[in-house]
Amino acid sequence: NFGIQEVIHFGERLYEVFPGTPELRGGYVWANEKPGLGIDIDEEKAAKYPISLSTIQWTQARWPDGTIWTP
C-alpha cells in the first residue's frame, strides 16, 4: 500500500524523456521487464526541456539572520 500512496503521478514529458519509468495502471505501479530499475534517459528528448537557472522566490524568503519566513 505504501508504494501506491506515495507515488508521483508522472506526466507525458517524463515518460518521453525517461523510457522505462514505472506506469500506474488500475491502482498499481507496474515496473518494466528490463534488468535493474530499467529506466533510461533519452538525451535528445531531454534537450527539448532546458533547465531554468532562475532563482526560485521561496528560497530567498529569509531574514538577514537566516530565519525562514513565508512571503
PDB file of N, CA and C in Angstrom:
ATOM      1  N   ASN A   1       0.807  -1.199   0.000  1.00  0.00           N
ATOM      2  CA  ASN A   1       0.000   0.000   0.000  1.00  0.00           C
ATOM      3  C   ASN A   1       0.853   1.267   0.000  1.00  0.00           C
ATOM      4  N   PHE A   2       1.974   1.236   0.703  1.00  0.00           N
ATOM      5  CA  PHE A   2       2.798   2.438   0.812  1.00  0.00           C
ATOM      6  C   PHE A   2       3.220   2.950  -0.558  1.00  0.00           C
ATOM      7  N   GLY A   3       3.667   2.059  -1.423  1.00  0.00           N
ATOM      8  CA  GLY A   3       4.159   2.467  -2.734  1.00  0.00           C
ATOM      9  C   GLY A   3       3.133   3.228  -3.541  1.00  0.00           C
ATOM     10  N   ILE A   4       1.910   2.763  -3.575  1.00  0.00           N
ATOM     11  CA  ILE A   4       0.883   3.425  -4.375  1.00  0.00           C
ATOM     12  C   ILE A   4       0.418   4.716  -3.699  1.00  0.00           C
ATOM     13  N   GLN A   5       0.474   4.782  -2.368  1.00  0.00           N
ATOM     14  CA  GLN A   5       0.072   6.005  -1.675  1.00  0.00           C
ATOM     15  C   GLN A   5       1.076   7.132  -1.882  1.00  0.00           C
ATOM     16  N   GLU A   6       2.333   6.791  -2.018  1.00  0.00           N
ATOM     17  CA  GLU A   6       3.381   7.799  -2.131  1.00  0.00           C
ATOM     18  C   GLU A   6       3.845   8.029  -3.564  1.00  0.00           C
ATOM     19  N   VAL A   7       3.210   7.420  -4.542  1.00  0.00           N
ATOM     20  CA  VAL A   7       3.665   7.526  -5.928  1.00  0.00           C
ATOM     21  C   VAL A   7       3.418   8.930  -6.479  1.00  0.00           C
ATOM     22  N   ILE A   8       4.346   9.374  -7.311  1.00  0.00           N
ATOM     23  CA  ILE A   8       4.199  10.642  -8.015  1.00  0.00           C
ATOM     24  C   ILE A   8       3.537  10.328  -9.348  1.00  0.00           C
ATOM     25  N   HIS A   9       2.531  11.071  -9.713  1.00  0.00           N
ATOM     26  CA  HIS A   9       1.870  10.851 -10.994  1.00  0.00           C
ATOM     27  C   HIS A   9       2.692  11.525 -12.085  1.00  0.00           C
ATOM     28  N   PHE A  10       3.344  10.716 -12.892  1.00  0.00           N
ATOM     29  CA  PHE A  10       4.251  11.212 -13.911  1.00  0.00           C
ATOM     30  C   PHE A  10       3.482  11.774 -15.098  1.00  0.00           C
ATOM     31  N   GLY A  11       3.997  12.853 -15.681  1.00  0.00           N
ATOM     32  CA  GLY A  11       3.397  13.448 -16.868  1.00  0.00           C
ATOM     33  C   GLY A  11       3.989  12.836 -18.126  1.00  0.00           C
ATOM     34  N   GLU A  12       3.420  13.209 -19.254  1.00  0.00           N
ATOM     35  CA  GLU A  12       3.874  12.677 -20.546  1.00  0.00           C
ATOM     36  C   GLU A  12       5.333  13.014 -20.828  1.00  0.00           C
ATOM     37  N   ARG A  13       5.776  14.201 -20.412  1.00  0.00           N
ATOM     38  CA  ARG A  13       7.176  14.582 -20.640  1.00  0.00           C
ATOM     39  C   ARG A  13       8.130  13.619 -19.962  1.00  0.00           C
ATOM     40  N   LEU A  14       7.803  13.224 -18.741  1.00  0.00           N
ATOM     41  CA  LEU A  14       8.681  12.319 -18.012  1.00  0.00           C
ATOM     42  C   LEU A  14       8.785  10.974 -18.719  1.00  0.00           C
ATOM     43  N   TYR A  15       7.666  10.446 -19.177  1.00  0.00           N
ATOM     44  CA  TYR A  15       7.701   9.174 -19.905  1.00  0.00           C
ATOM     45  C   TYR A  15       8.468   9.311 -21.214  1.00  0.00           C
ATOM     46  N   GLU A  16       8.383  10.498 -21.831  1.00  0.00           N
ATOM     47  CA  GLU A  16       9.090  10.742 -23.083  1.00  0.00           C
ATOM     48  C   GLU A  16      10.603  10.767 -22.855  1.00  0.00           C
ATOM     49  N   VAL A  17      11.043  11.459 -21.818  1.00  0.00           N
ATOM     50  CA  VAL A  17      12.473  11.626 -21.550  1.00  0.00           C
ATOM     51  C   VAL A  17      13.072  10.396 -20.865  1.00  0.00           C
ATOM     52  N   PHE A  18      12.311   9.732 -20.005  1.00  0.00           N
ATOM     53  CA  PHE A  18      12.809   8.572 -19.263  1.00  0.00           C
ATOM     54  C   PHE A  18      12.034   7.309 -19.633  1.00  0.00           C
ATOM     55  N   PRO A  19      12.346   6.701 -20.784  1.00  0.00           N
ATOM     56  CA  PRO A  19      11.654   5.460 -21.131  1.00  0.00           C
ATOM     57  C   PRO A  19      11.929   4.375 -20.086  1.00  0.00           C
ATOM     58  N   GLY A  20      10.907   3.627 -19.759  1.00  0.00           N
ATOM     59  CA  GLY A  20      11.048   2.574 -18.756  1.00  0.00           C
ATOM     60  C   GLY A  20      10.539   2.981 -17.390  1.00  0.00           C
ATOM     61  N   THR A  21      10.073   4.239 -17.259  1.00  0.00           N
ATOM     62  CA  THR A  21       9.537   4.708 -15.988  1.00  0.00           C
ATOM     63  C   THR A  21       8.329   3.848 -15.604  1.00  0.00           C
ATOM     64  N   PRO A  22       8.202   3.451 -14.323  1.00  0.00           N
ATOM     65  CA  PRO A  22       7.049   2.648 -13.909  1.00  0.00           C
ATOM     66  C   PRO A  22       5.729   3.320 -14.283  1.00  0.00           C
ATOM     67  N   GLU A  23       4.731   2.505 -14.589  1.00  0.00           N
ATOM     68  CA  GLU A  23       3.428   3.019 -15.011  1.00  0.00           C
ATOM     69  C   GLU A  23       2.367   2.744 -13.953  1.00  0.00           C
ATOM     70  N   LEU A  24       1.405   3.656 -13.855  1.00  0.00           N
ATOM     71  CA  LEU A  24       0.246   3.463 -12.992  1.00  0.00           C
ATOM     72  C   LEU A  24      -0.876   2.882 -13.828  1.00  0.00           C
ATOM     73  N   ARG A  25      -1.347   1.689 -13.433  1.00  0.00           N
ATOM     74  CA  ARG A  25      -2.464   1.052 -14.147  1.00  0.00           C
ATOM     75  C   ARG A  25      -3.350   0.347 -13.133  1.00  0.00           C
ATOM     76  N   GLY A  26      -4.610   0.707 -13.133  1.00  0.00           N
ATOM     77  CA  GLY A  26      -5.576   0.025 -12.275  1.00  0.00           C
ATOM     78  C   GLY A  26      -5.263   0.101 -10.792  1.00  0.00           C
ATOM     79  N   GLY A  27      -4.645   1.202 -10.361  1.00  0.00           N
ATOM     80  CA  GLY A  27      -4.331   1.356  -8.942  1.00  0.00           C
ATOM     81  C   GLY A  27      -3.043   0.683  -8.509  1.00  0.00           C
ATOM     82  N   TYR A  28      -2.251   0.185  -9.467  1.00  0.00           N
ATOM     83  CA  TYR A  28      -0.985  -0.476  -9.160  1.00  0.00           C
ATOM     84  C   TYR A  28       0.153   0.224  -9.887  1.00  0.00           C
ATOM     85  N   VAL A  29       1.355   0.120  -9.340  1.00  0.00           N
ATOM     86  CA  VAL A  29       2.549   0.626 -10.012  1.00  0.00           C
ATOM     87  C   VAL A  29       3.200  -0.565 -10.697  1.00  0.00           C
ATOM     88  N   TRP A  30       3.345  -0.488 -12.026  1.00  0.00           N
ATOM     89  CA  TRP A  30       3.903  -1.587 -12.809  1.00  0.00           C
ATOM     90  C   TRP A  30       5.312  -1.244 -13.273  1.00  0.00           C
ATOM     91  N   ALA A  31       6.265  -2.065 -12.892  1.00  0.00           N
ATOM     92  CA  ALA A  31       7.641  -1.902 -13.360  1.00  0.00           C
ATOM     93  C   ALA A  31       7.759  -2.521 -14.748  1.00  0.00           C
ATOM     94  N   ASN A  32       8.841  -2.181 -15.449  1.00  0.00           N
ATOM     95  CA  ASN A  32       9.058  -2.786 -16.761  1.00  0.00           C
ATOM     96  C   ASN A  32       9.813  -4.110 -16.607  1.00  0.00           C
ATOM     97  N   GLU A  33      10.097  -4.767 -17.698  1.00  0.00           N
ATOM     98  CA  GLU A  33      10.736  -6.088 -17.666  1.00  0.00           C
ATOM     99  C   GLU A  33      12.254  -6.030 -17.831  1.00  0.00           C
ATOM    100  N   LYS A  34      12.830  -4.840 -17.868  1.00  0.00           N
ATOM    101  CA  LYS A  34      14.269  -4.698 -18.065  1.00  0.00           C
ATOM    102  C   LYS A  34      15.018  -4.970 -16.763  1.00  0.00           C
ATOM    103  N   PRO A  35      16.309  -5.330 -16.852  1.00  0.00           N
ATOM    104  CA  PRO A  35      17.091  -5.574 -15.633  1.00  0.00           C
ATOM    105  C   PRO A  35      17.274  -4.299 -14.807  1.00  0.00           C
ATOM    106  N   GLY A  36      17.474  -4.459 -13.524  1.00  0.00           N
ATOM    107  CA  GLY A  36      17.645  -3.313 -12.632  1.00  0.00           C
ATOM    108  C   GLY A  36      16.367  -2.499 -12.570  1.00  0.00           C
ATOM    109  N   LEU A  37      16.512  -1.200 -12.469  1.00  0.00           N
ATOM    110  CA  LEU A  37      15.325  -0.342 -12.494  1.00  0.00           C
ATOM    111  C   LEU A  37      14.752  -0.241 -13.893  1.00  0.00           C
ATOM    112  N   GLY A  38      15.601  -0.451 -14.902  1.00  0.00           N
ATOM    113  CA  GLY A  38      15.140  -0.453 -16.287  1.00  0.00           C
ATOM    114  C   GLY A  38      14.784   0.912 -16.834  1.00  0.00           C
ATOM    115  N   ILE A  39      15.231   1.955 -16.150  1.00  0.00           N
ATOM    116  CA  ILE A  39      14.925   3.315 -16.594  1.00  0.00           C
ATOM    117  C   ILE A  39      16.115   3.847 -17.376  1.00  0.00           C
ATOM    118  N   ASP A  40      15.840   4.478 -18.502  1.00  0.00           N
ATOM    119  CA  ASP A  40      16.882   5.036 -19.359  1.00  0.00           C
ATOM    120  C   ASP A  40      16.623   6.533 -19.500  1.00  0.00           C
ATOM    121  N   ILE A  41      17.532   7.246 -20.159  1.00  0.00           N
ATOM    122  CA  ILE A  41      17.312   8.660 -20.451  1.00  0.00           C
ATOM    123  C   ILE A  41      17.535   8.887 -21.935  1.00  0.00           C
ATOM    124  N   ASP A  42      16.604   9.585 -22.553  1.00  0.00           N
ATOM    125  CA  ASP A  42      16.720   9.948 -23.960  1.00  0.00           C
ATOM    126  C   ASP A  42      17.219  11.393 -23.984  1.00  0.00           C
ATOM    127  N   GLU A  43      18.521  11.573 -24.180  1.00  0.00           N
ATOM    128  CA  GLU A  43      19.127  12.898 -24.078  1.00  0.00           C
ATOM    129  C   GLU A  43      18.635  13.856 -25.155  1.00  0.00           C
ATOM    130  N   GLU A  44      18.313  13.356 -26.336  1.00  0.00           N
ATOM    131  CA  GLU A  44      17.776  14.226 -27.394  1.00  0.00           C
ATOM    132  C   GLU A  44      16.430  14.813 -26.979  1.00  0.00           C
ATOM    133  N   LYS A  45      15.581  13.983 -26.417  1.00  0.00           N
ATOM    134  CA  LYS A  45      14.269  14.471 -25.978  1.00  0.00           C
ATOM    135  C   LYS A  45      14.408  15.361 -24.745  1.00  0.00           C
ATOM    136  N   ALA A  46      15.362  15.048 -23.866  1.00  0.00           N
ATOM    137  CA  ALA A  46      15.586  15.875 -22.680  1.00  0.00           C
ATOM    138  C   ALA A  46      16.039  17.275 -23.070  1.00  0.00           C
ATOM    139  N   ALA A  47      16.780  17.398 -24.174  1.00  0.00           N
ATOM    140  CA  ALA A  47      17.269  18.704 -24.631  1.00  0.00           C
ATOM    141  C   ALA A  47      16.121  19.635 -25.022  1.00  0.00           C
ATOM    142  N   LYS A  48      14.938  19.083 -25.281  1.00  0.00           N
ATOM    143  CA  LYS A  48      13.772  19.913 -25.611  1.00  0.00           C
ATOM    144  C   LYS A  48      13.250  20.664 -24.386  1.00  0.00           C
ATOM    145  N   TYR A  49      13.681  20.262 -23.198  1.00  0.00           N
ATOM    146  CA  TYR A  49      13.196  20.852 -21.952  1.00  0.00           C
ATOM    147  C   TYR A  49      14.378  21.389 -21.146  1.00  0.00           C
ATOM    148  N   PRO A  50      14.939  22.537 -21.552  1.00  0.00           N
ATOM    149  CA  PRO A  50      16.113  23.065 -20.848  1.00  0.00           C
ATOM    150  C   PRO A  50      15.778  23.474 -19.414  1.00  0.00           C
ATOM    151  N   ILE A  51      16.774  23.364 -18.554  1.00  0.00           N
ATOM    152  CA  ILE A  51      16.601  23.722 -17.150  1.00  0.00           C
ATOM    153  C   ILE A  51      16.544  25.238 -16.999  1.00  0.00           C
ATOM    154  N   SER A  52      15.764  25.702 -16.057  1.00  0.00           N
ATOM    155  CA  SER A  52      15.696  27.129 -15.749  1.00  0.00           C
ATOM    156  C   SER A  52      16.626  27.392 -14.572  1.00  0.00           C
ATOM    157  N   LEU A  53      17.564  28.291 -14.749  1.00  0.00           N
ATOM    158  CA  LEU A  53      18.519  28.597 -13.690  1.00  0.00           C
ATOM    159  C   LEU A  53      18.123  29.833 -12.892  1.00  0.00           C
ATOM    160  N   SER A  54      16.894  30.307 -13.068  1.00  0.00           N
ATOM    161  CA  SER A  54      16.449  31.477 -12.313  1.00  0.00           C
ATOM    162  C   SER A  54      16.252  31.105 -10.844  1.00  0.00           C
ATOM    163  N   THR A  55      16.376  32.097  -9.991  1.00  0.00           N
ATOM    164  CA  THR A  55      16.215  31.883  -8.557  1.00  0.00           C
ATOM    165  C   THR A  55      14.739  31.675  -8.240  1.00  0.00           C
ATOM    166  N   ILE A  56      14.443  30.651  -7.475  1.00  0.00           N
ATOM    167  CA  ILE A  56      13.071  30.388  -7.041  1.00  0.00           C
ATOM    168  C   ILE A  56      12.782  31.301  -5.854  1.00  0.00           C
ATOM    169  N   GLN A  57      11.678  32.033  -5.922  1.00  0.00           N
ATOM    170  CA  GLN A  57      11.382  33.055  -4.919  1.00  0.00           C
ATOM    171  C   GLN A  57      11.407  32.525  -3.488  1.00  0.00           C
ATOM    172  N   TRP A  58      10.790  31.379  -3.218  1.00  0.00           N
ATOM    173  CA  TRP A  58      10.696  30.924  -1.831  1.00  0.00           C
ATOM    174  C   TRP A  58      12.049  30.583  -1.234  1.00  0.00           C
ATOM    175  N   THR A  59      13.058  30.331  -2.054  1.00  0.00           N
ATOM    176  CA  THR A  59      14.382  30.033  -1.493  1.00  0.00           C
ATOM    177  C   THR A  59      15.047  31.291  -0.959  1.00  0.00           C
ATOM    178  N   GLN A  60      14.515  32.459  -1.329  1.00  0.00           N
ATOM    179  CA  GLN A  60      15.085  33.730  -0.881  1.00  0.00           C
ATOM    180  C   GLN A  60      14.315  34.330   0.294  1.00  0.00           C
ATOM    181  N   ALA A  61      13.350  33.608   0.829  1.00  0.00           N
ATOM    182  CA  ALA A  61      12.491  34.122   1.886  1.00  0.00           C
ATOM    183  C   ALA A  61      13.131  33.898   3.257  1.00  0.00           C
ATOM    184  N   ARG A  62      14.165  34.682   3.540  1.00  0.00           N
ATOM    185  CA  ARG A  62      14.862  34.588   4.824  1.00  0.00           C
ATOM    186  C   ARG A  62      15.165  35.988   5.346  1.00  0.00           C
ATOM    187  N   TRP A  63      15.156  36.124   6.663  1.00  0.00           N
ATOM    188  CA  TRP A  63      15.573  37.367   7.296  1.00  0.00           C
ATOM    189  C   TRP A  63      17.101  37.402   7.279  1.00  0.00           C
ATOM    190  N   PRO A  64      17.701  38.560   7.514  1.00  0.00           N
ATOM    191  CA  PRO A  64      19.169  38.656   7.493  1.00  0.00           C
ATOM    192  C   PRO A  64      19.877  37.668   8.427  1.00  0.00           C
ATOM    193  N   ASP A  65      19.204  37.262   9.524  1.00  0.00           N
ATOM    194  CA  ASP A  65      19.841  36.304  10.441  1.00  0.00           C
ATOM    195  C   ASP A  65      19.678  34.851   9.983  1.00  0.00           C
ATOM    196  N   GLY A  66      19.027  34.642   8.814  1.00  0.00           N
ATOM    197  CA  GLY A  66      18.859  33.296   8.277  1.00  0.00           C
ATOM    198  C   GLY A  66      17.527  32.654   8.586  1.00  0.00           C
ATOM    199  N   THR A  67      16.702  33.292   9.408  1.00  0.00           N
ATOM    200  CA  THR A  67      15.393  32.760   9.759  1.00  0.00           C
ATOM    201  C   THR A  67      14.502  32.712   8.521  1.00  0.00           C
ATOM    202  N   ILE A  68      13.828  31.574   8.314  1.00  0.00           N
ATOM    203  CA  ILE A  68      12.915  31.430   7.182  1.00  0.00           C
ATOM    204  C   ILE A  68      11.601  32.126   7.510  1.00  0.00           C
ATOM    205  N   TRP A  69      11.031  32.826   6.535  1.00  0.00           N
ATOM    206  CA  TRP A  69       9.715  33.432   6.701  1.00  0.00           C
ATOM    207  C   TRP A  69       8.889  33.188   5.449  1.00  0.00           C
ATOM    208  N   THR A  70       7.583  33.185   5.596  1.00  0.00           N
ATOM    209  CA  THR A  70       6.690  32.955   4.467  1.00  0.00           C
ATOM    210  C   THR A  70       6.338  34.287   3.832  1.00  0.00           C
ATOM    211  N   PRO A  71       6.707  34.476   2.557  1.00  0.00           N
ATOM    212  CA  PRO A  71       6.413  35.758   1.895  1.00  0.00           C
ATOM    213  C   PRO A  71       4.928  35.936   1.634  1.00  0.00           C
TER     214      PRO A  71
END
